[in-house]
Amino acid sequence: LIDLELDKAANKASVNVGETFIYTITVTNEGPD
């Protein structure tokens, strides 16, 4: 039995065309296995 949690966030709320930014995805296994 597993309990996977996924979160996704961007490091900026708004950007201009041509700018770079980062998406971060985090997956956590809350178990119990």
Full PDB file with SEQRES, HELIX, SHEET, SSBOND, CRYST1, ORIGX, SCALE, CONECT and MASTER records, all heavy atoms in Angstrom:
SEQRES   1 A   33  LEU ILE ASP LEU GLU LEU ASP LYS ALA ALA ASN LYS ALA          
SEQRES   2 A   33  SER VAL ASN VAL GLY GLU THR PHE ILE TYR THR ILE THR          
SEQRES   3 A   33  VAL THR ASN GLU GLY PRO ASP                                  
SHEET    1 AA1 2 LEU A   4  ALA A  10  0                                        
SHEET    2 AA1 2 TYR A  23  ASN A  29 -1                                        
CRYST1    1.000    1.000    1.000  90.00  90.00  90.00 P 1           1          
ORIGX1      1.000000  0.000000  0.000000        0.00000                         
ORIGX2      0.000000  1.000000  0.000000        0.00000                         
ORIGX3      0.000000  0.000000  1.000000        0.00000                         
SCALE1      1.000000  0.000000  0.000000        0.00000                         
SCALE2      0.000000  1.000000  0.000000        0.00000                         
SCALE3      0.000000  0.000000  1.000000        0.00000                         
ATOM      1  N   LEU A   1       0.856  -1.178   0.000  1.00  0.00           N  
ATOM      2  CA  LEU A   1       0.000   0.000   0.000  1.00  0.00           C  
ATOM      3  C   LEU A   1       0.894   1.230   0.000  1.00  0.00           C  
ATOM      4  O   LEU A   1       1.826   1.328   0.789  1.00  0.00           O  
ATOM      5  CB  LEU A   1      -0.890   0.016   1.251  1.00  0.00           C  
ATOM      6  CG  LEU A   1      -1.925  -1.085   1.348  1.00  0.00           C  
ATOM      7  CD1 LEU A   1      -2.632  -1.022   2.696  1.00  0.00           C  
ATOM      8  CD2 LEU A   1      -2.926  -0.969   0.216  1.00  0.00           C  
ATOM      9  N   ILE A   2       0.599   2.162  -0.915  1.00  0.00           N  
ATOM     10  CA  ILE A   2       1.376   3.390  -1.012  1.00  0.00           C  
ATOM     11  C   ILE A   2       0.441   4.583  -1.044  1.00  0.00           C  
ATOM     12  O   ILE A   2      -0.752   4.443  -1.335  1.00  0.00           O  
ATOM     13  CB  ILE A   2       2.274   3.399  -2.268  1.00  0.00           C  
ATOM     14  CG1 ILE A   2       1.414   3.305  -3.537  1.00  0.00           C  
ATOM     15  CG2 ILE A   2       3.296   2.280  -2.216  1.00  0.00           C  
ATOM     16  CD1 ILE A   2       2.182   3.547  -4.812  1.00  0.00           C  
ATOM     17  N   ASP A   3       0.980   5.731  -0.719  1.00  0.00           N  
ATOM     18  CA  ASP A   3       0.230   6.985  -0.802  1.00  0.00           C  
ATOM     19  C   ASP A   3       1.172   8.013  -1.407  1.00  0.00           C  
ATOM     20  O   ASP A   3       2.009   8.587  -0.716  1.00  0.00           O  
ATOM     21  CB  ASP A   3      -0.237   7.419   0.592  1.00  0.00           C  
ATOM     22  CG  ASP A   3      -1.040   8.719   0.562  1.00  0.00           C  
ATOM     23  OD1 ASP A   3      -1.387   9.188  -0.546  1.00  0.00           O  
ATOM     24  OD2 ASP A   3      -1.317   9.255   1.640  1.00  0.00           O  
ATOM     25  N   LEU A   4       1.063   8.205  -2.730  1.00  0.00           N  
ATOM     26  CA  LEU A   4       1.926   9.154  -3.417  1.00  0.00           C  
ATOM     27  C   LEU A   4       1.247  10.517  -3.476  1.00  0.00           C  
ATOM     28  O   LEU A   4       0.076  10.617  -3.821  1.00  0.00           O  
ATOM     29  CB  LEU A   4       2.231   8.680  -4.846  1.00  0.00           C  
ATOM     30  CG  LEU A   4       2.984   7.354  -4.961  1.00  0.00           C  
ATOM     31  CD1 LEU A   4       3.161   6.969  -6.419  1.00  0.00           C  
ATOM     32  CD2 LEU A   4       4.326   7.434  -4.256  1.00  0.00           C  
ATOM     33  N   GLU A   5       2.009  11.556  -3.131  1.00  0.00           N  
ATOM     34  CA  GLU A   5       1.520  12.932  -3.211  1.00  0.00           C  
ATOM     35  C   GLU A   5       2.381  13.684  -4.208  1.00  0.00           C  
ATOM     36  O   GLU A   5       3.608  13.586  -4.173  1.00  0.00           O  
ATOM     37  CB  GLU A   5       1.592  13.604  -1.844  1.00  0.00           C  
ATOM     38  CG  GLU A   5       0.646  13.002  -0.844  1.00  0.00           C  
ATOM     39  CD  GLU A   5       0.678  13.728   0.499  1.00  0.00           C  
ATOM     40  OE1 GLU A   5       1.338  14.781   0.609  1.00  0.00           O  
ATOM     41  OE2 GLU A   5       0.052  13.222   1.424  1.00  0.00           O  
ATOM     42  N   LEU A   6       1.741  14.445  -5.105  1.00  0.00           N  
ATOM     43  CA  LEU A   6       2.447  15.212  -6.121  1.00  0.00           C  
ATOM     44  C   LEU A   6       2.123  16.688  -5.958  1.00  0.00           C  
ATOM     45  O   LEU A   6       0.961  17.061  -5.795  1.00  0.00           O  
ATOM     46  CB  LEU A   6       2.046  14.745  -7.519  1.00  0.00           C  
ATOM     47  CG  LEU A   6       2.787  15.407  -8.679  1.00  0.00           C  
ATOM     48  CD1 LEU A   6       3.064  14.391  -9.772  1.00  0.00           C  
ATOM     49  CD2 LEU A   6       2.033  16.589  -9.235  1.00  0.00           C  
ATOM     50  N   ASP A   7       3.168  17.515  -6.009  1.00  0.00           N  
ATOM     51  CA  ASP A   7       3.012  18.969  -5.985  1.00  0.00           C  
ATOM     52  C   ASP A   7       3.783  19.537  -7.163  1.00  0.00           C  
ATOM     53  O   ASP A   7       4.881  19.066  -7.479  1.00  0.00           O  
ATOM     54  CB  ASP A   7       3.566  19.569  -4.682  1.00  0.00           C  
ATOM     55  CG  ASP A   7       2.746  19.190  -3.466  1.00  0.00           C  
ATOM     56  OD1 ASP A   7       1.531  19.409  -3.489  1.00  0.00           O  
ATOM     57  OD2 ASP A   7       3.341  18.658  -2.506  1.00  0.00           O  
ATOM     58  N   LYS A   8       3.204  20.556  -7.801  1.00  0.00           N  
ATOM     59  CA  LYS A   8       3.874  21.236  -8.912  1.00  0.00           C  
ATOM     60  C   LYS A   8       3.748  22.729  -8.702  1.00  0.00           C  
ATOM     61  O   LYS A   8       2.674  23.232  -8.369  1.00  0.00           O  
ATOM     62  CB  LYS A   8       3.257  20.843 -10.252  1.00  0.00           C  
ATOM     63  CG  LYS A   8       3.962  21.497 -11.441  1.00  0.00           C  
ATOM     64  CD  LYS A   8       3.404  21.026 -12.760  1.00  0.00           C  
ATOM     65  CE  LYS A   8       4.136  21.703 -13.907  1.00  0.00           C  
ATOM     66  NZ  LYS A   8       3.649  21.220 -15.210  1.00  0.00           N  
ATOM     67  N   ALA A   9       4.861  23.447  -8.895  1.00  0.00           N  
ATOM     68  CA  ALA A   9       4.857  24.896  -8.720  1.00  0.00           C  
ATOM     69  C   ALA A   9       5.806  25.528  -9.722  1.00  0.00           C  
ATOM     70  O   ALA A   9       6.786  24.909 -10.152  1.00  0.00           O  
ATOM     71  CB  ALA A   9       5.282  25.257  -7.298  1.00  0.00           C  
ATOM     72  N   ALA A  10       5.520  26.779 -10.068  1.00  0.00           N  
ATOM     73  CA  ALA A  10       6.418  27.581 -10.895  1.00  0.00           C  
ATOM     74  C   ALA A  10       7.140  28.555  -9.975  1.00  0.00           C  
ATOM     75  O   ALA A  10       6.589  28.997  -8.968  1.00  0.00           O  
ATOM     76  CB  ALA A  10       5.634  28.333 -11.955  1.00  0.00           C  
ATOM     77  N   ASN A  11       8.372  28.898 -10.317  1.00  0.00           N  
ATOM     78  CA  ASN A  11       9.137  29.795  -9.450  1.00  0.00           C  
ATOM     79  C   ASN A  11       8.816  31.269  -9.679  1.00  0.00           C  
ATOM     80  O   ASN A  11       9.309  32.130  -8.953  1.00  0.00           O  
ATOM     81  CB  ASN A  11      10.640  29.550  -9.586  1.00  0.00           C  
ATOM     82  CG  ASN A  11      11.201  30.025 -10.917  1.00  0.00           C  
ATOM     83  OD1 ASN A  11      10.503  30.017 -11.929  1.00  0.00           O  
ATOM     84  ND2 ASN A  11      12.465  30.401 -10.924  1.00  0.00           N  
ATOM     85  N   LYS A  12       7.983  31.587 -10.674  1.00  0.00           N  
ATOM     86  CA  LYS A  12       7.568  32.971 -10.937  1.00  0.00           C  
ATOM     87  C   LYS A  12       6.075  33.000 -11.235  1.00  0.00           C  
ATOM     88  O   LYS A  12       5.537  32.082 -11.838  1.00  0.00           O  
ATOM     89  CB  LYS A  12       8.338  33.553 -12.118  1.00  0.00           C  
ATOM     90  CG  LYS A  12       9.837  33.659 -11.893  1.00  0.00           C  
ATOM     91  CD  LYS A  12      10.531  34.242 -13.097  1.00  0.00           C  
ATOM     92  CE  LYS A  12      12.033  34.305 -12.868  1.00  0.00           C  
ATOM     93  NZ  LYS A  12      12.742  34.822 -14.053  1.00  0.00           N  
ATOM     94  N   ALA A  13       5.430  34.085 -10.818  1.00  0.00           N  
ATOM     95  CA  ALA A  13       3.994  34.224 -11.064  1.00  0.00           C  
ATOM     96  C   ALA A  13       3.703  34.788 -12.448  1.00  0.00           C  
ATOM     97  O   ALA A  13       2.644  34.538 -13.020  1.00  0.00           O  
ATOM     98  CB  ALA A  13       3.355  35.114 -10.000  1.00  0.00           C  
ATOM     99  N   SER A  14       4.636  35.573 -12.987  1.00  0.00           N  
ATOM    100  CA  SER A  14       4.470  36.082 -14.352  1.00  0.00           C  
ATOM    101  C   SER A  14       5.852  36.326 -14.948  1.00  0.00           C  
ATOM    102  O   SER A  14       6.812  36.627 -14.228  1.00  0.00           O  
ATOM    103  CB  SER A  14       3.637  37.368 -14.362  1.00  0.00           C  
ATOM    104  OG  SER A  14       4.319  38.405 -13.688  1.00  0.00           O  
ATOM    105  N   VAL A  15       5.946  36.152 -16.246  1.00  0.00           N  
ATOM    106  CA  VAL A  15       7.204  36.357 -16.967  1.00  0.00           C  
ATOM    107  C   VAL A  15       6.904  37.044 -18.282  1.00  0.00           C  
ATOM    108  O   VAL A  15       5.766  37.037 -18.763  1.00  0.00           O  
ATOM    109  CB  VAL A  15       7.951  35.025 -17.239  1.00  0.00           C  
ATOM    110  CG1 VAL A  15       8.370  34.354 -15.953  1.00  0.00           C  
ATOM    111  CG2 VAL A  15       7.115  34.098 -18.088  1.00  0.00           C  
ATOM    112  N   ASN A  16       7.941  37.622 -18.896  1.00  0.00           N  
ATOM    113  CA  ASN A  16       7.825  38.203 -20.228  1.00  0.00           C  
ATOM    114  C   ASN A  16       8.176  37.142 -21.261  1.00  0.00           C  
ATOM    115  O   ASN A  16       8.932  36.195 -20.977  1.00  0.00           O  
ATOM    116  CB  ASN A  16       8.778  39.390 -20.382  1.00  0.00           C  
ATOM    117  CG  ASN A  16       8.391  40.536 -19.476  1.00  0.00           C  
ATOM    118  OD1 ASN A  16       7.218  40.867 -19.333  1.00  0.00           O  
ATOM    119  ND2 ASN A  16       9.391  41.158 -18.859  1.00  0.00           N  
ATOM    120  N   VAL A  17       7.645  37.313 -22.466  1.00  0.00           N  
ATOM    121  CA  VAL A  17       7.988  36.414 -23.557  1.00  0.00           C  
ATOM    122  C   VAL A  17       9.512  36.436 -23.715  1.00  0.00           C  
ATOM    123  O   VAL A  17      10.146  37.491 -23.687  1.00  0.00           O  
ATOM    124  CB  VAL A  17       7.283  36.837 -24.863  1.00  0.00           C  
ATOM    125  CG1 VAL A  17       7.800  36.027 -26.043  1.00  0.00           C  
ATOM    126  CG2 VAL A  17       5.776  36.681 -24.738  1.00  0.00           C  
ATOM    127  N   GLY A  18      10.103  35.253 -23.815  1.00  0.00           N  
ATOM    128  CA  GLY A  18      11.544  35.121 -23.957  1.00  0.00           C  
ATOM    129  C   GLY A  18      12.266  34.844 -22.652  1.00  0.00           C  
ATOM    130  O   GLY A  18      13.428  34.444 -22.658  1.00  0.00           O  
ATOM    131  N   GLU A  19      11.610  35.064 -21.522  1.00  0.00           N  
ATOM    132  CA  GLU A  19      12.226  34.796 -20.221  1.00  0.00           C  
ATOM    133  C   GLU A  19      12.109  33.317 -19.877  1.00  0.00           C  
ATOM    134  O   GLU A  19      11.164  32.637 -20.290  1.00  0.00           O  
ATOM    135  CB  GLU A  19      11.561  35.611 -19.116  1.00  0.00           C  
ATOM    136  CG  GLU A  19      11.920  37.060 -19.122  1.00  0.00           C  
ATOM    137  CD  GLU A  19      11.329  37.786 -17.904  1.00  0.00           C  
ATOM    138  OE1 GLU A  19      10.184  37.499 -17.528  1.00  0.00           O  
ATOM    139  OE2 GLU A  19      12.031  38.630 -17.355  1.00  0.00           O  
ATOM    140  N   THR A  20      13.066  32.864 -19.089  1.00  0.00           N  
ATOM    141  CA  THR A  20      13.013  31.489 -18.605  1.00  0.00           C  
ATOM    142  C   THR A  20      12.484  31.465 -17.172  1.00  0.00           C  
ATOM    143  O   THR A  20      12.600  32.445 -16.445  1.00  0.00           O  
ATOM    144  CB  THR A  20      14.402  30.816 -18.656  1.00  0.00           C  
ATOM    145  OG1 THR A  20      15.290  31.549 -17.829  1.00  0.00           O  
ATOM    146  CG2 THR A  20      14.926  30.732 -20.073  1.00  0.00           C  
ATOM    147  N   PHE A  21      11.917  30.346 -16.822  1.00  0.00           N  
ATOM    148  CA  PHE A  21      11.462  30.100 -15.454  1.00  0.00           C  
ATOM    149  C   PHE A  21      11.494  28.605 -15.223  1.00  0.00           C  
ATOM    150  O   PHE A  21      11.800  27.833 -16.132  1.00  0.00           O  
ATOM    151  CB  PHE A  21      10.079  30.715 -15.181  1.00  0.00           C  
ATOM    152  CG  PHE A  21       8.964  30.156 -16.022  1.00  0.00           C  
ATOM    153  CD1 PHE A  21       8.149  29.142 -15.544  1.00  0.00           C  
ATOM    154  CD2 PHE A  21       8.716  30.662 -17.300  1.00  0.00           C  
ATOM    155  CE1 PHE A  21       7.118  28.639 -16.309  1.00  0.00           C  
ATOM    156  CE2 PHE A  21       7.680  30.159 -18.065  1.00  0.00           C  
ATOM    157  CZ  PHE A  21       6.891  29.144 -17.578  1.00  0.00           C  
ATOM    158  N   ILE A  22      11.184  28.200 -14.003  1.00  0.00           N  
ATOM    159  CA  ILE A  22      11.340  26.800 -13.614  1.00  0.00           C  
ATOM    160  C   ILE A  22      10.035  26.244 -13.046  1.00  0.00           C  
ATOM    161  O   ILE A  22       9.402  26.870 -12.197  1.00  0.00           O  
ATOM    162  CB  ILE A  22      12.446  26.652 -12.550  1.00  0.00           C  
ATOM    163  CG1 ILE A  22      13.784  27.137 -13.103  1.00  0.00           C  
ATOM    164  CG2 ILE A  22      12.552  25.209 -12.057  1.00  0.00           C  
ATOM    165  CD1 ILE A  22      14.869  27.248 -12.049  1.00  0.00           C  
ATOM    166  N   TYR A  23       9.670  25.071 -13.537  1.00  0.00           N  
ATOM    167  CA  TYR A  23       8.620  24.271 -12.902  1.00  0.00           C  
ATOM    168  C   TYR A  23       9.321  23.262 -11.990  1.00  0.00           C  
ATOM    169  O   TYR A  23      10.304  22.634 -12.394  1.00  0.00           O  
ATOM    170  CB  TYR A  23       7.799  23.479 -13.931  1.00  0.00           C  
ATOM    171  CG  TYR A  23       6.829  24.291 -14.741  1.00  0.00           C  
ATOM    172  CD1 TYR A  23       6.967  24.376 -16.124  1.00  0.00           C  
ATOM    173  CD2 TYR A  23       5.757  24.942 -14.141  1.00  0.00           C  
ATOM    174  CE1 TYR A  23       6.059  25.095 -16.891  1.00  0.00           C  
ATOM    175  CE2 TYR A  23       4.854  25.675 -14.897  1.00  0.00           C  
ATOM    176  CZ  TYR A  23       5.007  25.739 -16.270  1.00  0.00           C  
ATOM    177  OH  TYR A  23       4.113  26.460 -17.024  1.00  0.00           O  
ATOM    178  N   THR A  24       8.807  23.089 -10.791  1.00  0.00           N  
ATOM    179  CA  THR A  24       9.336  22.071  -9.882  1.00  0.00           C  
ATOM    180  C   THR A  24       8.208  21.110  -9.534  1.00  0.00           C  
ATOM    181  O   THR A  24       7.135  21.530  -9.092  1.00  0.00           O  
ATOM    182  CB  THR A  24       9.898  22.706  -8.592  1.00  0.00           C  
ATOM    183  OG1 THR A  24      10.936  23.621  -8.957  1.00  0.00           O  
ATOM    184  CG2 THR A  24      10.458  21.642  -7.660  1.00  0.00           C  
ATOM    185  N   ILE A  25       8.460  19.835  -9.752  1.00  0.00           N  
ATOM    186  CA  ILE A  25       7.495  18.782  -9.416  1.00  0.00           C  
ATOM    187  C   ILE A  25       8.112  17.943  -8.309  1.00  0.00           C  
ATOM    188  O   ILE A  25       9.254  17.498  -8.419  1.00  0.00           O  
ATOM    189  CB  ILE A  25       7.172  17.899 -10.629  1.00  0.00           C  
ATOM    190  CG1 ILE A  25       6.617  18.753 -11.770  1.00  0.00           C  
ATOM    191  CG2 ILE A  25       6.193  16.792 -10.247  1.00  0.00           C  
ATOM    192  CD1 ILE A  25       6.471  18.000 -13.080  1.00  0.00           C  
ATOM    193  N   THR A  26       7.342  17.731  -7.260  1.00  0.00           N  
ATOM    194  CA  THR A  26       7.806  16.935  -6.127  1.00  0.00           C  
ATOM    195  C   THR A  26       6.823  15.801  -5.890  1.00  0.00           C  
ATOM    196  O   THR A  26       5.612  16.024  -5.814  1.00  0.00           O  
ATOM    197  CB  THR A  26       7.910  17.803  -4.854  1.00  0.00           C  
ATOM    198  OG1 THR A  26       8.754  18.910  -5.131  1.00  0.00           O  
ATOM    199  CG2 THR A  26       8.480  17.012  -3.692  1.00  0.00           C  
ATOM    200  N   VAL A  27       7.343  14.589  -5.783  1.00  0.00           N  
ATOM    201  CA  VAL A  27       6.529  13.413  -5.469  1.00  0.00           C  
ATOM    202  C   VAL A  27       7.041  12.837  -4.152  1.00  0.00           C  
ATOM    203  O   VAL A  27       8.236  12.592  -3.998  1.00  0.00           O  
ATOM    204  CB  VAL A  27       6.599  12.344  -6.577  1.00  0.00           C  
ATOM    205  CG1 VAL A  27       5.800  11.107  -6.195  1.00  0.00           C  
ATOM    206  CG2 VAL A  27       6.108  12.910  -7.898  1.00  0.00           C  
ATOM    207  N   THR A  28       6.117  12.631  -3.205  1.00  0.00           N  
ATOM    208  CA  THR A  28       6.451  12.091  -1.891  1.00  0.00           C  
ATOM    209  C   THR A  28       5.679  10.800  -1.675  1.00  0.00           C  
ATOM    210  O   THR A  28       4.479  10.740  -1.961  1.00  0.00           O  
ATOM    211  CB  THR A  28       6.088  13.099  -0.782  1.00  0.00           C  
ATOM    212  OG1 THR A  28       6.721  14.339  -1.059  1.00  0.00           O  
ATOM    213  CG2 THR A  28       6.503  12.596   0.583  1.00  0.00           C  
ATOM    214  N   ASN A  29       6.351   9.780  -1.152  1.00  0.00           N  
ATOM    215  CA  ASN A  29       5.686   8.525  -0.808  1.00  0.00           C  
ATOM    216  C   ASN A  29       5.391   8.542   0.690  1.00  0.00           C  
ATOM    217  O   ASN A  29       6.289   8.413   1.502  1.00  0.00           O  
ATOM    218  CB  ASN A  29       6.551   7.316  -1.165  1.00  0.00           C  
ATOM    219  CG  ASN A  29       5.865   6.002  -0.825  1.00  0.00           C  
ATOM    220  OD1 ASN A  29       4.706   5.978  -0.405  1.00  0.00           O  
ATOM    221  ND2 ASN A  29       6.576   4.911  -0.990  1.00  0.00           N  
ATOM    222  N   GLU A  30       4.121   8.683   1.036  1.00  0.00           N  
ATOM    223  CA  GLU A  30       3.695   8.712   2.440  1.00  0.00           C  
ATOM    224  C   GLU A  30       3.527   7.305   3.025  1.00  0.00           C  
ATOM    225  O   GLU A  30       3.122   7.173   4.165  1.00  0.00           O  
ATOM    226  CB  GLU A  30       2.383   9.494   2.568  1.00  0.00           C  
ATOM    227  CG  GLU A  30       2.484  10.957   2.158  1.00  0.00           C  
ATOM    228  CD  GLU A  30       3.341  11.776   3.088  1.00  0.00           C  
ATOM    229  OE1 GLU A  30       3.479  11.405   4.257  1.00  0.00           O  
ATOM    230  OE2 GLU A  30       3.894  12.794   2.638  1.00  0.00           O  
ATOM    231  N   GLY A  31       3.792   6.269   2.203  1.00  0.00           N  
ATOM    232  CA  GLY A  31       3.758   4.894   2.708  1.00  0.00           C  
ATOM    233  C   GLY A  31       2.357   4.307   2.777  1.00  0.00           C  
ATOM    234  O   GLY A  31       1.453   4.800   2.145  1.00  0.00           O  
ATOM    235  N   PRO A  32       2.200   3.235   3.469  1.00  0.00           N  
ATOM    236  CA  PRO A  32       3.112   2.639   4.441  1.00  0.00           C  
ATOM    237  C   PRO A  32       4.180   1.730   3.822  1.00  0.00           C  
ATOM    238  O   PRO A  32       5.031   1.226   4.538  1.00  0.00           O  
ATOM    239  CB  PRO A  32       2.178   1.833   5.336  1.00  0.00           C  
ATOM    240  CG  PRO A  32       1.067   1.425   4.447  1.00  0.00           C  
ATOM    241  CD  PRO A  32       0.884   2.582   3.500  1.00  0.00           C  
ATOM    242  N   ASP A  33       4.137   1.514   2.496  1.00  0.00           N  
ATOM    243  CA  ASP A  33       5.123   0.644   1.863  1.00  0.00           C  
ATOM    244  C   ASP A  33       5.910   1.417   0.807  1.00  0.00           C  
ATOM    245  O   ASP A  33       5.494   2.495   0.365  1.00  0.00           O  
ATOM    246  CB  ASP A  33       4.437  -0.565   1.196  1.00  0.00           C  
ATOM    247  CG  ASP A  33       3.776  -1.500   2.199  1.00  0.00           C  
ATOM    248  OD1 ASP A  33       4.436  -1.830   3.196  1.00  0.00           O  
ATOM    249  OD2 ASP A  33       2.615  -1.889   1.984  1.00  0.00           O  
TER     250      ASP A  33                                                      
MASTER        0    0    0    0    2    0    0    6  249    1    0    3          
END                                                                             
